[in-house]
Amino acid sequence: MTTKLKPETFARDVVRLDQFWPYQVTVLADRIARRTTRIVKQRGLNLSQWRVLAAIAEGPGRTSAEVVSMTPMDKGIVSRATKALLALGSIRREASQLDGRLSHLHLTDAGMQLYRELIVEVQAVTELEAAGLSPARQQELNTDLKSLIALLPDLR
């Protein structure tokens, strides 16, 4: 025999997604990812390849493990994206001078040119001034998000 919940009891036990900030962050991230994917696809990249390209542009010489640790992608996805970018001539590997098992990733000239072309369009996806979010509020939001990320450990 199943027990039926009264509507008023059920309503108290239900998460309202429109008021649940983790869900709202997920929706926002999905919307940004979809817009970014449209942009990078025009240049023959997928979102994972763009993220690897951006991670290397931000920190030339990063290893694949460092890219994995700073992006929301697992080792296999980063490996496939790295191989594709190597094949495209957008990045190059350099063997580590300290540890021969490691290699450091760098943008090629073509990769840097591609990154420079894409970053203007990708940054425009999140420029929300016209939508009523001032630069100061955008900075506050960024600070708040960094604080939340720091509070929640990465369970990968």
C-alpha atoms as a PDB file:
ATOM      1  CA  MET A   1       0.000   0.000   0.000  1.00  0.00           C
ATOM      2  CA  THR A   2       1.396   3.378  -0.941  1.00  0.00           C
ATOM      3  CA  THR A   3       0.950   6.452   1.151  1.00  0.00           C
ATOM      4  CA  LYS A   4      -0.244   9.561  -0.610  1.00  0.00           C
ATOM      5  CA  LEU A   5       1.241  12.845   0.439  1.00  0.00           C
ATOM      6  CA  LYS A   6      -1.076  15.736   0.947  1.00  0.00           C
ATOM      7  CA  PRO A   7      -0.390  18.529  -1.580  1.00  0.00           C
ATOM      8  CA  GLU A   8       0.653  20.955   1.171  1.00  0.00           C
ATOM      9  CA  THR A   9       3.131  18.426   2.634  1.00  0.00           C
ATOM     10  CA  PHE A  10       4.551  17.590  -0.766  1.00  0.00           C
ATOM     11  CA  ALA A  11       5.044  21.279  -1.594  1.00  0.00           C
ATOM     12  CA  ARG A  12       7.243  21.731   1.499  1.00  0.00           C
ATOM     13  CA  ASP A  13       9.429  18.773   0.481  1.00  0.00           C
ATOM     14  CA  VAL A  14       9.998  19.867  -3.110  1.00  0.00           C
ATOM     15  CA  VAL A  15      12.967  21.924  -4.220  1.00  0.00           C
ATOM     16  CA  ARG A  16      11.855  24.910  -6.243  1.00  0.00           C
ATOM     17  CA  LEU A  17      14.382  24.922  -9.050  1.00  0.00           C
ATOM     18  CA  ASP A  18      13.782  28.572  -9.857  1.00  0.00           C
ATOM     19  CA  GLN A  19      14.950  29.391  -6.310  1.00  0.00           C
ATOM     20  CA  PHE A  20      17.721  26.780  -5.980  1.00  0.00           C
ATOM     21  CA  TRP A  21      21.006  28.546  -6.807  1.00  0.00           C
ATOM     22  CA  PRO A  22      22.966  25.370  -7.736  1.00  0.00           C
ATOM     23  CA  TYR A  23      20.384  24.653 -10.422  1.00  0.00           C
ATOM     24  CA  GLN A  24      20.452  28.261 -11.603  1.00  0.00           C
ATOM     25  CA  VAL A  25      24.253  28.129 -11.917  1.00  0.00           C
ATOM     26  CA  THR A  26      23.922  24.935 -13.976  1.00  0.00           C
ATOM     27  CA  VAL A  27      21.400  26.566 -16.314  1.00  0.00           C
ATOM     28  CA  LEU A  28      23.648  29.605 -16.720  1.00  0.00           C
ATOM     29  CA  ALA A  29      26.738  27.459 -17.373  1.00  0.00           C
ATOM     30  CA  ASP A  30      24.823  25.436 -19.959  1.00  0.00           C
ATOM     31  CA  ARG A  31      23.677  28.582 -21.768  1.00  0.00           C
ATOM     32  CA  ILE A  32      27.197  29.994 -21.832  1.00  0.00           C
ATOM     33  CA  ALA A  33      28.625  26.663 -23.028  1.00  0.00           C
ATOM     34  CA  ARG A  34      26.073  26.442 -25.849  1.00  0.00           C
ATOM     35  CA  ARG A  35      26.843  29.971 -27.037  1.00  0.00           C
ATOM     36  CA  THR A  36      30.577  29.372 -26.780  1.00  0.00           C
ATOM     37  CA  THR A  37      30.247  26.096 -28.692  1.00  0.00           C
ATOM     38  CA  ARG A  38      28.514  27.902 -31.560  1.00  0.00           C
ATOM     39  CA  ILE A  39      31.392  30.370 -31.768  1.00  0.00           C
ATOM     40  CA  VAL A  40      34.269  27.880 -31.645  1.00  0.00           C
ATOM     41  CA  LYS A  41      32.523  25.431 -33.981  1.00  0.00           C
ATOM     42  CA  GLN A  42      32.775  28.048 -36.739  1.00  0.00           C
ATOM     43  CA  ARG A  43      36.566  27.685 -36.434  1.00  0.00           C
ATOM     44  CA  GLY A  44      36.511  23.875 -36.441  1.00  0.00           C
ATOM     45  CA  LEU A  45      36.871  23.353 -32.677  1.00  0.00           C
ATOM     46  CA  ASN A  46      34.642  21.766 -30.086  1.00  0.00           C
ATOM     47  CA  LEU A  47      34.133  23.107 -26.567  1.00  0.00           C
ATOM     48  CA  SER A  48      36.756  20.801 -25.016  1.00  0.00           C
ATOM     49  CA  GLN A  49      39.368  21.876 -27.539  1.00  0.00           C
ATOM     50  CA  TRP A  50      38.540  25.521 -26.856  1.00  0.00           C
ATOM     51  CA  ARG A  51      38.933  24.987 -23.112  1.00  0.00           C
ATOM     52  CA  VAL A  52      42.341  23.347 -23.580  1.00  0.00           C
ATOM     53  CA  LEU A  53      43.431  26.111 -25.960  1.00  0.00           C
ATOM     54  CA  ALA A  54      42.301  28.767 -23.444  1.00  0.00           C
ATOM     55  CA  ALA A  55      44.008  26.991 -20.521  1.00  0.00           C
ATOM     56  CA  ILE A  56      47.292  26.883 -22.423  1.00  0.00           C
ATOM     57  CA  ALA A  57      46.956  30.517 -23.522  1.00  0.00           C
ATOM     58  CA  GLU A  58      46.421  31.519 -19.892  1.00  0.00           C
ATOM     59  CA  GLY A  59      49.355  29.449 -18.666  1.00  0.00           C
ATOM     60  CA  PRO A  60      51.858  28.607 -21.382  1.00  0.00           C
ATOM     61  CA  GLY A  61      53.786  25.464 -20.496  1.00  0.00           C
ATOM     62  CA  ARG A  62      50.995  23.798 -18.561  1.00  0.00           C
ATOM     63  CA  THR A  63      50.988  20.017 -18.532  1.00  0.00           C
ATOM     64  CA  SER A  64      47.909  17.987 -19.445  1.00  0.00           C
ATOM     65  CA  ALA A  65      47.477  17.157 -15.753  1.00  0.00           C
ATOM     66  CA  GLU A  66      47.430  20.873 -14.928  1.00  0.00           C
ATOM     67  CA  VAL A  67      44.806  21.463 -17.617  1.00  0.00           C
ATOM     68  CA  VAL A  68      42.690  18.651 -16.122  1.00  0.00           C
ATOM     69  CA  SER A  69      42.960  20.144 -12.627  1.00  0.00           C
ATOM     70  CA  MET A  70      41.806  23.596 -13.723  1.00  0.00           C
ATOM     71  CA  THR A  71      39.006  22.655 -16.108  1.00  0.00           C
ATOM     72  CA  PRO A  72      35.762  20.733 -15.651  1.00  0.00           C
ATOM     73  CA  MET A  73      37.056  17.932 -17.900  1.00  0.00           C
ATOM     74  CA  ASP A  74      38.465  14.514 -17.152  1.00  0.00           C
ATOM     75  CA  LYS A  75      41.821  13.183 -18.291  1.00  0.00           C
ATOM     76  CA  GLY A  76      40.438  11.355 -21.340  1.00  0.00           C
ATOM     77  CA  ILE A  77      38.633  14.409 -22.693  1.00  0.00           C
ATOM     78  CA  VAL A  78      41.710  16.597 -22.211  1.00  0.00           C
ATOM     79  CA  SER A  79      43.865  13.963 -23.911  1.00  0.00           C
ATOM     80  CA  ARG A  80      41.590  13.780 -26.967  1.00  0.00           C
ATOM     81  CA  ALA A  81      41.328  17.577 -27.194  1.00  0.00           C
ATOM     82  CA  THR A  82      45.106  17.911 -26.887  1.00  0.00           C
ATOM     83  CA  LYS A  83      45.696  15.355 -29.650  1.00  0.00           C
ATOM     84  CA  ALA A  84      43.263  17.188 -31.930  1.00  0.00           C
ATOM     85  CA  LEU A  85      44.930  20.552 -31.263  1.00  0.00           C
ATOM     86  CA  LEU A  86      48.350  19.023 -31.923  1.00  0.00           C
ATOM     87  CA  ALA A  87      47.058  17.608 -35.233  1.00  0.00           C
ATOM     88  CA  LEU A  88      45.624  21.015 -36.163  1.00  0.00           C
ATOM     89  CA  GLY A  89      48.973  22.662 -35.448  1.00  0.00           C
ATOM     90  CA  SER A  90      47.452  24.917 -32.789  1.00  0.00           C
ATOM     91  CA  ILE A  91      49.627  23.654 -29.933  1.00  0.00           C
ATOM     92  CA  ARG A  92      52.992  21.975 -29.514  1.00  0.00           C
ATOM     93  CA  ARG A  93      54.559  19.803 -26.823  1.00  0.00           C
ATOM     94  CA  GLU A  94      57.921  20.370 -25.206  1.00  0.00           C
ATOM     95  CA  ALA A  95      59.551  17.693 -23.074  1.00  0.00           C
ATOM     96  CA  SER A  96      60.157  18.738 -19.493  1.00  0.00           C
ATOM     97  CA  GLN A  97      63.773  19.477 -18.649  1.00  0.00           C
ATOM     98  CA  LEU A  98      63.200  18.226 -15.084  1.00  0.00           C
ATOM     99  CA  ASP A  99      61.071  15.135 -15.692  1.00  0.00           C
ATOM    100  CA  GLY A 100      61.202  13.323 -19.013  1.00  0.00           C
ATOM    101  CA  ARG A 101      57.777  11.787 -18.382  1.00  0.00           C
ATOM    102  CA  LEU A 102      56.120  15.196 -18.547  1.00  0.00           C
ATOM    103  CA  SER A 103      55.567  17.478 -21.480  1.00  0.00           C
ATOM    104  CA  HIS A 104      54.579  21.107 -21.453  1.00  0.00           C
ATOM    105  CA  LEU A 105      51.986  22.504 -23.841  1.00  0.00           C
ATOM    106  CA  HIS A 106      52.384  25.775 -25.732  1.00  0.00           C
ATOM    107  CA  LEU A 107      50.369  27.567 -28.377  1.00  0.00           C
ATOM    108  CA  THR A 108      51.930  27.739 -31.810  1.00  0.00           C
ATOM    109  CA  ASP A 109      51.783  31.015 -33.718  1.00  0.00           C
ATOM    110  CA  ALA A 110      48.709  29.669 -35.516  1.00  0.00           C
ATOM    111  CA  GLY A 111      47.191  28.654 -32.177  1.00  0.00           C
ATOM    112  CA  MET A 112      47.809  32.100 -30.716  1.00  0.00           C
ATOM    113  CA  GLN A 113      46.198  33.715 -33.748  1.00  0.00           C
ATOM    114  CA  LEU A 114      43.185  31.393 -33.425  1.00  0.00           C
ATOM    115  CA  TYR A 115      42.924  32.141 -29.704  1.00  0.00           C
ATOM    116  CA  ARG A 116      43.081  35.912 -30.283  1.00  0.00           C
ATOM    117  CA  GLU A 117      40.338  35.709 -32.895  1.00  0.00           C
ATOM    118  CA  LEU A 118      38.093  33.560 -30.730  1.00  0.00           C
ATOM    119  CA  ILE A 119      38.576  35.301 -27.395  1.00  0.00           C
ATOM    120  CA  VAL A 120      36.923  38.504 -28.589  1.00  0.00           C
ATOM    121  CA  GLU A 121      33.744  36.615 -29.524  1.00  0.00           C
ATOM    122  CA  VAL A 122      33.840  34.299 -26.503  1.00  0.00           C
ATOM    123  CA  GLN A 123      34.218  37.197 -24.062  1.00  0.00           C
ATOM    124  CA  ALA A 124      31.259  38.924 -25.688  1.00  0.00           C
ATOM    125  CA  VAL A 125      29.074  35.995 -24.578  1.00  0.00           C
ATOM    126  CA  THR A 126      29.458  37.053 -20.955  1.00  0.00           C
ATOM    127  CA  GLU A 127      29.533  40.819 -21.329  1.00  0.00           C
ATOM    128  CA  LEU A 128      26.287  41.638 -19.630  1.00  0.00           C
ATOM    129  CA  GLU A 129      26.541  45.415 -19.307  1.00  0.00           C
ATOM    130  CA  ALA A 130      23.869  45.923 -21.952  1.00  0.00           C
ATOM    131  CA  ALA A 131      21.625  43.550 -20.014  1.00  0.00           C
ATOM    132  CA  GLY A 132      21.835  45.722 -16.905  1.00  0.00           C
ATOM    133  CA  LEU A 133      24.717  44.076 -15.035  1.00  0.00           C
ATOM    134  CA  SER A 134      27.276  46.798 -14.364  1.00  0.00           C
ATOM    135  CA  PRO A 135      31.006  46.030 -14.514  1.00  0.00           C
ATOM    136  CA  ALA A 136      31.129  46.401 -10.717  1.00  0.00           C
ATOM    137  CA  ARG A 137      28.273  43.918 -10.247  1.00  0.00           C
ATOM    138  CA  GLN A 138      29.906  41.508 -12.697  1.00  0.00           C
ATOM    139  CA  GLN A 139      33.088  41.673 -10.602  1.00  0.00           C
ATOM    140  CA  GLU A 140      31.098  41.043  -7.416  1.00  0.00           C
ATOM    141  CA  LEU A 141      29.428  38.059  -9.067  1.00  0.00           C
ATOM    142  CA  ASN A 142      32.816  36.702 -10.122  1.00  0.00           C
ATOM    143  CA  THR A 143      34.112  37.116  -6.558  1.00  0.00           C
ATOM    144  CA  ASP A 144      31.035  35.364  -5.144  1.00  0.00           C
ATOM    145  CA  LEU A 145      31.401  32.469  -7.583  1.00  0.00           C
ATOM    146  CA  LYS A 146      35.104  32.066  -6.723  1.00  0.00           C
ATOM    147  CA  SER A 147      34.166  31.946  -3.029  1.00  0.00           C
ATOM    148  CA  LEU A 148      31.560  29.246  -3.649  1.00  0.00           C
ATOM    149  CA  ILE A 149      33.988  27.215  -5.756  1.00  0.00           C
ATOM    150  CA  ALA A 150      36.580  27.442  -2.974  1.00  0.00           C
ATOM    151  CA  LEU A 151      34.040  26.208  -0.422  1.00  0.00           C
ATOM    152  CA  LEU A 152      33.015  23.148  -2.419  1.00  0.00           C
ATOM    153  CA  PRO A 153      35.814  20.621  -2.923  1.00  0.00           C
ATOM    154  CA  ASP A 154      36.369  19.029  -6.327  1.00  0.00           C
ATOM    155  CA  LEU A 155      35.339  15.393  -5.926  1.00  0.00           C
ATOM    156  CA  ARG A 156      36.849  14.107  -9.167  1.00  0.00           C
END
